[in-house]
C-alpha atoms as a PDB file:
ATOM      1  CA  MET A   1      -5.829 -17.263  18.481  1.00  0.00           C
ATOM      2  CA  ARG A   2      -4.868 -13.628  18.589  1.00  0.00           C
ATOM      3  CA  ALA A   3      -7.244 -11.058  17.110  1.00  0.00           C
ATOM      4  CA  ALA A   4      -5.895  -8.990  14.236  1.00  0.00           C
ATOM      5  CA  ARG A   5      -5.170  -5.442  15.256  1.00  0.00           C
ATOM      6  CA  ARG A   6      -6.929  -2.938  13.071  1.00  0.00           C
ATOM      7  CA  SER A   7      -4.810   0.014  12.115  1.00  0.00           C
ATOM      8  CA  PRO A   8      -6.310   3.473  12.570  1.00  0.00           C
ATOM      9  CA  ARG A   9      -7.757   5.133   9.487  1.00  0.00           C
ATOM     10  CA  LEU A  10      -6.051   8.154   8.070  1.00  0.00           C
ATOM     11  CA  PRO A  11      -7.931  11.306   9.095  1.00  0.00           C
ATOM     12  CA  THR A  12      -8.694  12.311   5.490  1.00  0.00           C
ATOM     13  CA  GLU A  13     -11.380  14.813   6.511  1.00  0.00           C
ATOM     14  CA  VAL A  14      -8.824  16.671   8.604  1.00  0.00           C
ATOM     15  CA  ALA A  15      -6.302  16.504   5.771  1.00  0.00           C
ATOM     16  CA  ALA A  16      -8.810  17.826   3.230  1.00  0.00           C
ATOM     17  CA  ALA A  17      -9.436  20.861   5.420  1.00  0.00           C
ATOM     18  CA  ALA A  18      -5.664  21.417   5.653  1.00  0.00           C
ATOM     19  CA  HIS A  19      -4.908  21.207   1.902  1.00  0.00           C
ATOM     20  CA  GLY A  20      -4.063  17.512   2.165  1.00  0.00           C
ATOM     21  CA  LEU A  21      -1.348  17.971   4.777  1.00  0.00           C
ATOM     22  CA  LEU A  22      -1.116  16.482   8.254  1.00  0.00           C
ATOM     23  CA  SER A  23       1.466  16.994  10.945  1.00  0.00           C
ATOM     24  CA  LEU A  24       2.898  14.195  13.015  1.00  0.00           C
ATOM     25  CA  ALA A  25       0.877  15.569  15.937  1.00  0.00           C
ATOM     26  CA  ASP A  26      -2.336  15.336  13.837  1.00  0.00           C
ATOM     27  CA  LEU A  27      -1.634  11.694  13.026  1.00  0.00           C
ATOM     28  CA  ARG A  28      -0.840  10.858  16.655  1.00  0.00           C
ATOM     29  CA  ARG A  29      -3.965  12.689  17.855  1.00  0.00           C
ATOM     30  CA  HIS A  30      -6.021  10.431  15.579  1.00  0.00           C
ATOM     31  CA  GLY A  31      -4.518   7.260  17.017  1.00  0.00           C
ATOM     32  CA  MET A  32      -1.690   6.520  14.608  1.00  0.00           C
ATOM     33  CA  GLY A  33       1.498   5.260  16.183  1.00  0.00           C
ATOM     34  CA  ARG A  34       4.979   5.090  14.689  1.00  0.00           C
ATOM     35  CA  VAL A  35       4.476   1.685  13.061  1.00  0.00           C
ATOM     36  CA  ALA A  36       1.110   2.667  11.530  1.00  0.00           C
ATOM     37  CA  ILE A  37       2.634   5.869  10.132  1.00  0.00           C
ATOM     38  CA  GLU A  38       5.624   3.991   8.687  1.00  0.00           C
ATOM     39  CA  HIS A  39       3.248   1.458   7.125  1.00  0.00           C
ATOM     40  CA  ALA A  40       1.152   4.250   5.570  1.00  0.00           C
ATOM     41  CA  VAL A  41       4.313   5.889   4.157  1.00  0.00           C
ATOM     42  CA  SER A  42       5.626   2.622   2.705  1.00  0.00           C
ATOM     43  CA  GLY A  43       2.187   1.851   1.242  1.00  0.00           C
ATOM     44  CA  GLY A  44       1.888   5.240  -0.435  1.00  0.00           C
ATOM     45  CA  GLU A  45      -1.016   6.478   1.676  1.00  0.00           C
ATOM     46  CA  LEU A  46       1.226   9.143   3.201  1.00  0.00           C
ATOM     47  CA  LEU A  47       4.035  11.083   1.585  1.00  0.00           C
ATOM     48  CA  ARG A  48       6.676  12.485   3.926  1.00  0.00           C
ATOM     49  CA  VAL A  49       7.046  16.133   2.900  1.00  0.00           C
ATOM     50  CA  THR A  50       9.526  17.085   5.585  1.00  0.00           C
ATOM     51  CA  ARG A  51      10.207  16.016   9.126  1.00  0.00           C
ATOM     52  CA  GLY A  52       6.862  15.916  10.927  1.00  0.00           C
ATOM     53  CA  LEU A  53       4.745  16.871   7.888  1.00  0.00           C
ATOM     54  CA  PHE A  54       2.909  14.445   5.603  1.00  0.00           C
ATOM     55  CA  ALA A  55       0.716  14.719   2.512  1.00  0.00           C
ATOM     56  CA  VAL A  56      -2.217  12.336   2.373  1.00  0.00           C
ATOM     57  CA  GLY A  57      -2.589  10.416  -0.879  1.00  0.00           C
ATOM     58  CA  GLY A  58      -5.967  10.694  -2.562  1.00  0.00           C
ATOM     59  CA  VAL A  59      -6.996  13.968  -0.948  1.00  0.00           C
ATOM     60  CA  GLN A  60      -7.994  16.546  -3.528  1.00  0.00           C
ATOM     61  CA  GLY A  61      -6.176  19.843  -3.519  1.00  0.00           C
ATOM     62  CA  THR A  62      -2.663  18.595  -2.919  1.00  0.00           C
ATOM     63  CA  THR A  63      -0.270  17.100  -5.414  1.00  0.00           C
ATOM     64  CA  THR A  64       3.385  16.262  -5.153  1.00  0.00           C
ATOM     65  CA  ARG A  65       4.157  19.098  -7.538  1.00  0.00           C
ATOM     66  CA  GLU A  66       2.360  21.639  -5.335  1.00  0.00           C
ATOM     67  CA  ILE A  67       4.244  20.377  -2.303  1.00  0.00           C
ATOM     68  CA  THR A  68       7.707  20.513  -3.838  1.00  0.00           C
ATOM     69  CA  GLU A  69       7.417  23.907  -5.527  1.00  0.00           C
END
């Protein structure tokens, strides 16, 4: 039986220090691959702000309104 692969946790501490935003490089540096990032976006944990920039859901200090204005 194959062991379930645990997906990396979102680096929320890093995001909190950066106003809730993480770059693609930040996510990769913390062990998130393409599939894990896509899964986090589809699950609402990450919001794609623009190419290579993501807002982390649940991190205080950043809202969708702040991002889009």
